[in-house]
Amino acid sequence: MARSLSRGAELNGVTQSAVSQHLKDLEETLGVQLLDRSRRPLLLTAAGRCYLAFCENVVAEQVELERNLDRFRSAVEGPVLFATIYSVGLSEVAGLRTEFTRRFPKAQLVVEYLRPEKIYEAVLSERADLGVVSYPTSNREIEVVPWRNEEMVVAVAPGHPLAGLPALHPMQLEGLDFIGFDPDLPVQRHIDRFLRQQRVTVNRLMHFDNLDSIREAVSHGSGVSIVPKPVLKSFVEQGRIVAIPILPKSLRRPLGIIHRRRKVFSRAAQAFLSLLMESALPTRPVEKITSSLAI
């Protein structure tokens, strides 16, 4: 309490006359005297102390109301539409979904697994809030957020002659039976460009549009392949495939999060984007998960 009308006026940014008039009107409305004007500094009357306690309670209730309303205003709820390539989708989404639900139980992660070109279409048509693709490209309508940069390795069966090597040079792939991705996929175009630069020719035995088929073919000794290292984790742990680093380690698969430019995200979509960025940090994996299909 300021114990002075002039000081009270100063603290509240109004004139002393305005304070005096407001106090007079208030006392007339309440029918009681709130201040003892015969004393300096001013003191509250018994009625004034009662009114002050009432006002303090009102202010406290208002603060609590605002705090509760803020929780509703900032609630992370509703669906997040997420489109992803198969390799990232099935290897990551189980853990992402679990963590997202734990943090935001009122939000729902709706996932669609698509080929890269379909993900761009889904983002542009607003059928997806966010998408994850390899070798992402931005344009006037699509914005890219860099996410991960995965090492590519040579995958061979345990009984293959190369299986015992700690690392290999691309030239050691010359003439080998090779199992690749479909030639129209970005990952295979990148691999083909790398092999041309290294002046390496392989025997293209077969190609697939998914990683499961590639891994199965490799594990049965049908040929070798070049794939992102993370997607081999479960097969390597099971002893079904050997992953051999390529020297120098310059062949990598970039992954990016795409969204429509100037898109207004819901709080749920913003929260999921933050979680995706957390999962990109190697020191903070979301969850240990095995991998499956890939493009």
Protein backbone atom coordinates (compact mmCIF):
# COMPACT_ATOMS: atom_id res chain seq x y z
CA MET A 1 0.00 0.00 0.00
CA ALA A 2 1.37 3.44 -1.00
CA ARG A 3 -0.29 5.21 2.00
CA SER A 4 -0.46 8.37 -0.16
CA LEU A 5 -2.90 9.34 -2.91
CA SER A 6 -0.20 11.12 -4.87
CA ARG A 7 2.15 8.14 -4.63
CA GLY A 8 -0.65 5.75 -5.57
CA ALA A 9 -1.48 7.88 -8.58
CA GLU A 10 2.17 7.90 -9.67
CA LEU A 11 2.50 4.12 -9.34
CA ASN A 12 -0.58 3.56 -11.49
CA GLY A 13 0.19 6.19 -14.10
CA VAL A 14 -2.86 8.40 -13.44
CA THR A 15 -3.44 11.82 -11.95
CA GLN A 16 -4.04 12.41 -8.25
CA SER A 17 -7.39 14.00 -9.03
CA ALA A 18 -8.48 10.88 -10.89
CA VAL A 19 -7.53 8.73 -7.90
CA SER A 20 -9.40 11.01 -5.50
CA GLN A 21 -12.51 10.95 -7.68
CA HIS A 22 -12.38 7.17 -8.10
CA LEU A 23 -11.99 6.67 -4.35
CA LYS A 24 -14.92 9.01 -3.65
CA ASP A 25 -17.13 7.17 -6.16
CA LEU A 26 -16.10 3.80 -4.70
CA GLU A 27 -16.90 4.84 -1.12
CA GLU A 28 -20.28 6.16 -2.24
CA THR A 29 -21.01 2.90 -4.06
CA LEU A 30 -19.97 0.74 -1.11
CA GLY A 31 -21.53 3.05 1.49
CA VAL A 32 -18.46 2.97 3.72
CA GLN A 33 -15.32 5.01 4.30
CA LEU A 34 -12.19 3.17 3.11
CA LEU A 35 -9.49 5.61 4.25
CA ASP A 36 -8.92 7.45 7.47
CA ARG A 37 -8.17 10.92 6.06
CA SER A 38 -7.51 12.45 9.48
CA ARG A 39 -4.13 10.78 9.70
CA ARG A 40 -0.90 11.08 7.73
CA PRO A 41 0.23 8.91 6.22
CA LEU A 42 -3.18 7.61 5.24
CA LEU A 43 -4.45 4.48 6.93
CA LEU A 44 -7.13 2.03 5.95
CA THR A 45 -10.27 1.88 8.00
CA ALA A 46 -11.58 -1.50 9.12
CA ALA A 47 -13.88 -1.44 6.08
CA GLY A 48 -10.90 -0.51 3.91
CA ARG A 49 -8.89 -3.49 5.18
CA CYS A 50 -11.84 -5.75 4.43
CA TYR A 51 -12.12 -4.32 0.92
CA LEU A 52 -8.35 -4.67 0.36
CA ALA A 53 -8.49 -8.36 1.31
CA PHE A 54 -11.37 -8.81 -1.14
CA CYS A 55 -9.37 -7.11 -3.93
CA GLU A 56 -6.29 -9.23 -3.23
CA ASN A 57 -8.40 -12.37 -3.48
CA VAL A 58 -9.89 -11.17 -6.77
CA VAL A 59 -6.42 -10.49 -8.20
CA ALA A 60 -5.16 -13.90 -7.08
CA GLU A 61 -8.19 -15.60 -8.64
CA GLN A 62 -7.62 -13.68 -11.87
CA VAL A 63 -3.96 -14.73 -11.99
CA GLU A 64 -4.99 -18.36 -11.45
CA LEU A 65 -7.68 -18.05 -14.12
CA GLU A 66 -5.15 -16.69 -16.63
CA ARG A 67 -2.74 -19.48 -15.76
CA ASN A 68 -5.42 -22.09 -16.39
CA LEU A 69 -6.57 -20.42 -19.60
CA ASP A 70 -2.96 -20.34 -20.84
CA ARG A 71 -2.85 -24.11 -20.49
CA PHE A 72 -5.90 -24.38 -22.73
CA ARG A 73 -4.58 -21.83 -25.20
CA SER A 74 -1.23 -23.60 -25.45
CA ALA A 75 -2.58 -27.14 -25.37
CA VAL A 76 -0.88 -29.42 -27.85
CA GLU A 77 -3.74 -31.40 -29.28
CA GLY A 78 -5.23 -32.61 -32.53
CA PRO A 79 -3.73 -34.51 -35.47
CA VAL A 80 -0.32 -34.09 -37.07
CA LEU A 81 -0.21 -35.31 -40.66
CA PHE A 82 3.22 -36.76 -41.37
CA ALA A 83 4.44 -38.32 -44.63
CA THR A 84 7.75 -40.14 -44.86
CA ILE A 85 9.80 -42.41 -47.07
CA TYR A 86 9.71 -46.06 -46.03
CA SER A 87 13.25 -46.29 -44.68
CA VAL A 88 12.80 -43.43 -42.24
CA GLY A 89 9.17 -44.21 -41.61
CA LEU A 90 9.29 -47.78 -40.37
CA SER A 91 12.66 -47.45 -38.68
CA GLU A 92 11.87 -44.28 -36.75
CA VAL A 93 8.16 -43.65 -36.40
CA ALA A 94 7.48 -46.28 -33.75
CA GLY A 95 9.81 -44.49 -31.36
CA LEU A 96 8.73 -41.03 -32.44
CA ARG A 97 5.07 -41.90 -31.97
CA THR A 98 5.70 -43.33 -28.50
CA GLU A 99 7.62 -40.27 -27.34
CA PHE A 100 5.18 -37.83 -28.96
CA THR A 101 2.20 -39.50 -27.29
CA ARG A 102 4.00 -39.55 -23.94
CA ARG A 103 4.66 -35.82 -24.12
CA PHE A 104 1.39 -34.75 -25.73
CA PRO A 105 -1.35 -37.29 -24.99
CA LYS A 106 -4.04 -35.15 -26.64
CA ALA A 107 -2.23 -35.04 -29.98
CA GLN A 108 -2.31 -37.76 -32.64
CA LEU A 109 0.43 -38.60 -35.11
CA VAL A 110 -1.11 -39.69 -38.43
CA VAL A 111 1.56 -41.30 -40.62
CA GLU A 112 1.56 -42.08 -44.32
CA TYR A 113 4.43 -43.98 -45.99
CA LEU A 114 5.02 -42.79 -49.56
CA ARG A 115 7.52 -42.61 -52.37
CA PRO A 116 9.47 -39.33 -52.40
CA GLU A 117 7.54 -37.67 -55.22
CA LYS A 118 4.25 -38.47 -53.48
CA ILE A 119 5.49 -36.82 -50.29
CA TYR A 120 6.11 -33.56 -52.12
CA GLU A 121 2.59 -33.79 -53.55
CA ALA A 122 1.11 -34.46 -50.11
CA VAL A 123 2.90 -31.46 -48.58
CA LEU A 124 1.85 -29.15 -51.41
CA SER A 125 -1.77 -30.27 -51.23
CA GLU A 126 -1.86 -29.89 -47.41
CA ARG A 127 -2.46 -33.63 -46.98
CA ALA A 128 0.71 -33.61 -44.90
CA ASP A 129 1.93 -30.99 -42.44
CA LEU A 130 5.48 -32.34 -42.60
CA GLY A 131 7.37 -34.81 -44.74
CA VAL A 132 10.73 -36.52 -44.59
CA VAL A 133 12.59 -37.33 -47.82
CA SER A 134 16.11 -38.18 -48.88
CA TYR A 135 18.06 -35.76 -51.07
CA PRO A 136 15.50 -33.01 -50.38
CA THR A 137 15.05 -30.11 -52.77
CA SER A 138 13.48 -26.76 -52.02
CA ASN A 139 11.62 -24.47 -54.41
CA ARG A 140 9.24 -21.53 -54.31
CA GLU A 141 6.61 -23.63 -52.55
CA ILE A 142 8.67 -26.14 -50.55
CA GLU A 143 11.02 -25.35 -47.69
CA VAL A 144 13.65 -27.83 -46.49
CA VAL A 145 14.88 -28.24 -42.94
CA PRO A 146 18.13 -30.32 -42.92
CA TRP A 147 17.68 -33.33 -40.67
CA ARG A 148 20.29 -36.08 -40.97
CA ASN A 149 23.29 -37.02 -43.08
CA GLU A 150 23.64 -40.80 -43.09
CA GLU A 151 26.80 -42.71 -43.99
CA MET A 152 26.40 -45.10 -46.94
CA VAL A 153 28.13 -48.48 -46.62
CA VAL A 154 28.58 -51.63 -48.66
CA ALA A 155 26.28 -54.44 -47.52
CA VAL A 156 27.45 -58.03 -48.08
CA ALA A 157 26.49 -61.47 -46.83
CA PRO A 158 28.69 -62.87 -44.00
CA GLY A 159 30.16 -65.46 -46.38
CA HIS A 160 31.10 -62.97 -49.10
CA PRO A 161 34.85 -62.57 -49.89
CA LEU A 162 34.67 -58.90 -48.87
CA ALA A 163 33.02 -59.61 -45.52
CA GLY A 164 36.26 -59.65 -43.52
CA LEU A 165 37.44 -56.23 -44.67
CA PRO A 166 37.40 -53.41 -42.11
CA ALA A 167 36.83 -50.96 -44.98
CA LEU A 168 37.08 -50.93 -48.76
CA HIS A 169 37.81 -48.64 -51.67
CA PRO A 170 35.10 -48.30 -54.36
CA MET A 171 37.42 -49.94 -56.92
CA GLN A 172 37.04 -53.21 -55.01
CA LEU A 173 33.42 -53.31 -56.20
CA GLU A 174 34.48 -53.52 -59.85
CA GLY A 175 32.58 -56.25 -61.71
CA LEU A 176 30.67 -57.52 -58.65
CA ASP A 177 27.02 -58.56 -58.79
CA PHE A 178 25.14 -55.53 -57.50
CA ILE A 179 21.67 -55.17 -55.97
CA GLY A 180 20.31 -51.67 -56.13
CA PHE A 181 17.26 -49.50 -55.78
CA ASP A 182 14.97 -48.72 -58.69
CA PRO A 183 16.90 -46.41 -61.03
CA ASP A 184 14.35 -43.59 -60.78
CA LEU A 185 14.79 -43.20 -57.02
CA PRO A 186 17.04 -40.36 -55.75
CA VAL A 187 19.16 -42.69 -53.65
CA GLN A 188 20.05 -44.88 -56.65
CA ARG A 189 20.80 -41.89 -58.87
CA HIS A 190 23.19 -40.67 -56.18
CA ILE A 191 24.87 -44.09 -55.92
CA ASP A 192 25.19 -44.32 -59.73
CA ARG A 193 26.80 -40.89 -59.88
CA PHE A 194 29.25 -41.89 -57.15
CA LEU A 195 30.24 -45.08 -59.00
CA ARG A 196 30.73 -43.16 -62.26
CA GLN A 197 32.96 -40.65 -60.48
CA GLN A 198 35.00 -43.53 -59.07
CA ARG A 199 35.09 -45.16 -62.55
CA VAL A 200 33.61 -48.35 -61.14
CA THR A 201 31.37 -50.67 -63.16
CA VAL A 202 29.22 -53.21 -61.35
CA ASN A 203 27.04 -56.02 -62.66
CA ARG A 204 23.51 -54.73 -61.97
CA LEU A 205 21.87 -58.00 -61.12
CA MET A 206 18.55 -56.76 -59.73
CA HIS A 207 16.88 -53.68 -58.31
CA PHE A 208 13.99 -53.02 -55.93
CA ASP A 209 11.91 -50.12 -54.68
CA ASN A 210 12.26 -51.12 -51.04
CA LEU A 211 15.02 -51.92 -48.62
CA ASP A 212 13.50 -55.12 -47.29
CA SER A 213 13.95 -56.82 -50.65
CA ILE A 214 17.50 -55.48 -51.00
CA ARG A 215 18.51 -56.67 -47.54
CA GLU A 216 16.99 -60.11 -48.06
CA ALA A 217 18.75 -60.52 -51.41
CA VAL A 218 22.08 -59.43 -49.92
CA SER A 219 21.73 -61.65 -46.86
CA HIS A 220 21.13 -64.67 -49.13
CA GLY A 221 24.34 -63.96 -51.05
CA SER A 222 22.74 -62.74 -54.29
CA GLY A 223 25.07 -59.75 -54.53
CA VAL A 224 26.36 -56.65 -52.77
CA SER A 225 24.63 -53.32 -52.30
CA ILE A 226 25.25 -49.78 -51.11
CA VAL A 227 22.73 -48.61 -48.53
CA PRO A 228 22.47 -46.17 -45.60
CA LYS A 229 24.24 -47.62 -42.58
CA PRO A 230 21.43 -47.02 -40.04
CA VAL A 231 18.94 -49.20 -41.93
CA LEU A 232 21.24 -52.23 -41.61
CA LYS A 233 21.36 -52.14 -37.82
CA SER A 234 19.02 -55.06 -37.12
CA PHE A 235 20.51 -57.28 -39.86
CA VAL A 236 24.06 -56.58 -38.65
CA GLU A 237 23.09 -57.34 -35.04
CA GLN A 238 21.52 -60.62 -36.17
CA GLY A 239 24.66 -61.56 -38.12
CA ARG A 240 22.78 -61.68 -41.42
CA ILE A 241 24.66 -58.83 -43.13
CA VAL A 242 28.09 -57.26 -42.80
CA ALA A 243 28.31 -53.48 -43.25
CA ILE A 244 31.65 -52.32 -44.68
CA PRO A 245 32.64 -48.63 -44.62
CA ILE A 246 33.64 -47.07 -47.93
CA LEU A 247 36.90 -45.09 -48.00
CA PRO A 248 36.98 -42.20 -48.08
CA LYS A 249 33.68 -41.81 -46.20
CA SER A 250 32.31 -39.27 -48.65
CA LEU A 251 29.16 -41.07 -49.75
CA ARG A 252 26.27 -40.01 -47.55
CA ARG A 253 22.49 -39.84 -47.77
CA PRO A 254 21.04 -36.48 -46.70
CA LEU A 255 17.59 -36.51 -45.15
CA GLY A 256 15.43 -33.43 -44.84
CA ILE A 257 12.13 -32.36 -43.37
CA ILE A 258 9.95 -30.58 -45.92
CA HIS A 259 6.92 -28.37 -45.47
CA ARG A 260 5.01 -25.84 -47.47
CA ARG A 261 6.51 -22.35 -47.36
CA ARG A 262 4.71 -19.88 -45.10
CA LYS A 263 2.67 -22.71 -43.65
CA VAL A 264 0.96 -21.87 -40.36
CA PHE A 265 1.60 -24.86 -38.11
CA SER A 266 -0.70 -26.02 -35.37
CA ARG A 267 0.85 -26.33 -31.92
CA ALA A 268 0.84 -30.09 -32.37
CA ALA A 269 2.72 -29.86 -35.67
CA GLN A 270 5.23 -27.44 -34.13
CA ALA A 271 5.75 -29.84 -31.24
CA PHE A 272 6.32 -32.79 -33.58
CA LEU A 273 8.79 -30.78 -35.68
CA SER A 274 10.72 -30.03 -32.49
CA LEU A 275 10.74 -33.72 -31.63
CA LEU A 276 12.03 -34.59 -35.09
CA MET A 277 14.87 -32.13 -34.65
CA GLU A 278 15.70 -33.67 -31.27
CA SER A 279 15.87 -37.11 -32.85
CA ALA A 280 18.38 -35.82 -35.39
CA LEU A 281 20.97 -35.40 -32.63
CA PRO A 282 23.14 -38.51 -32.35
CA THR A 283 23.54 -38.00 -28.61
CA ARG A 284 19.79 -37.99 -28.02
CA PRO A 285 18.17 -40.89 -29.88
CA VAL A 286 14.41 -41.03 -29.42
CA GLU A 287 14.31 -44.78 -29.03
CA LYS A 288 16.24 -47.86 -30.09
CA ILE A 289 14.27 -49.31 -33.00
CA THR A 290 14.98 -51.81 -35.75
CA SER A 291 14.66 -50.68 -39.37
CA SER A 292 12.59 -51.99 -42.25
CA LEU A 293 11.58 -50.80 -45.72
CA ALA A 294 13.51 -48.01 -47.36
CA ILE A 295 13.66 -45.80 -50.39
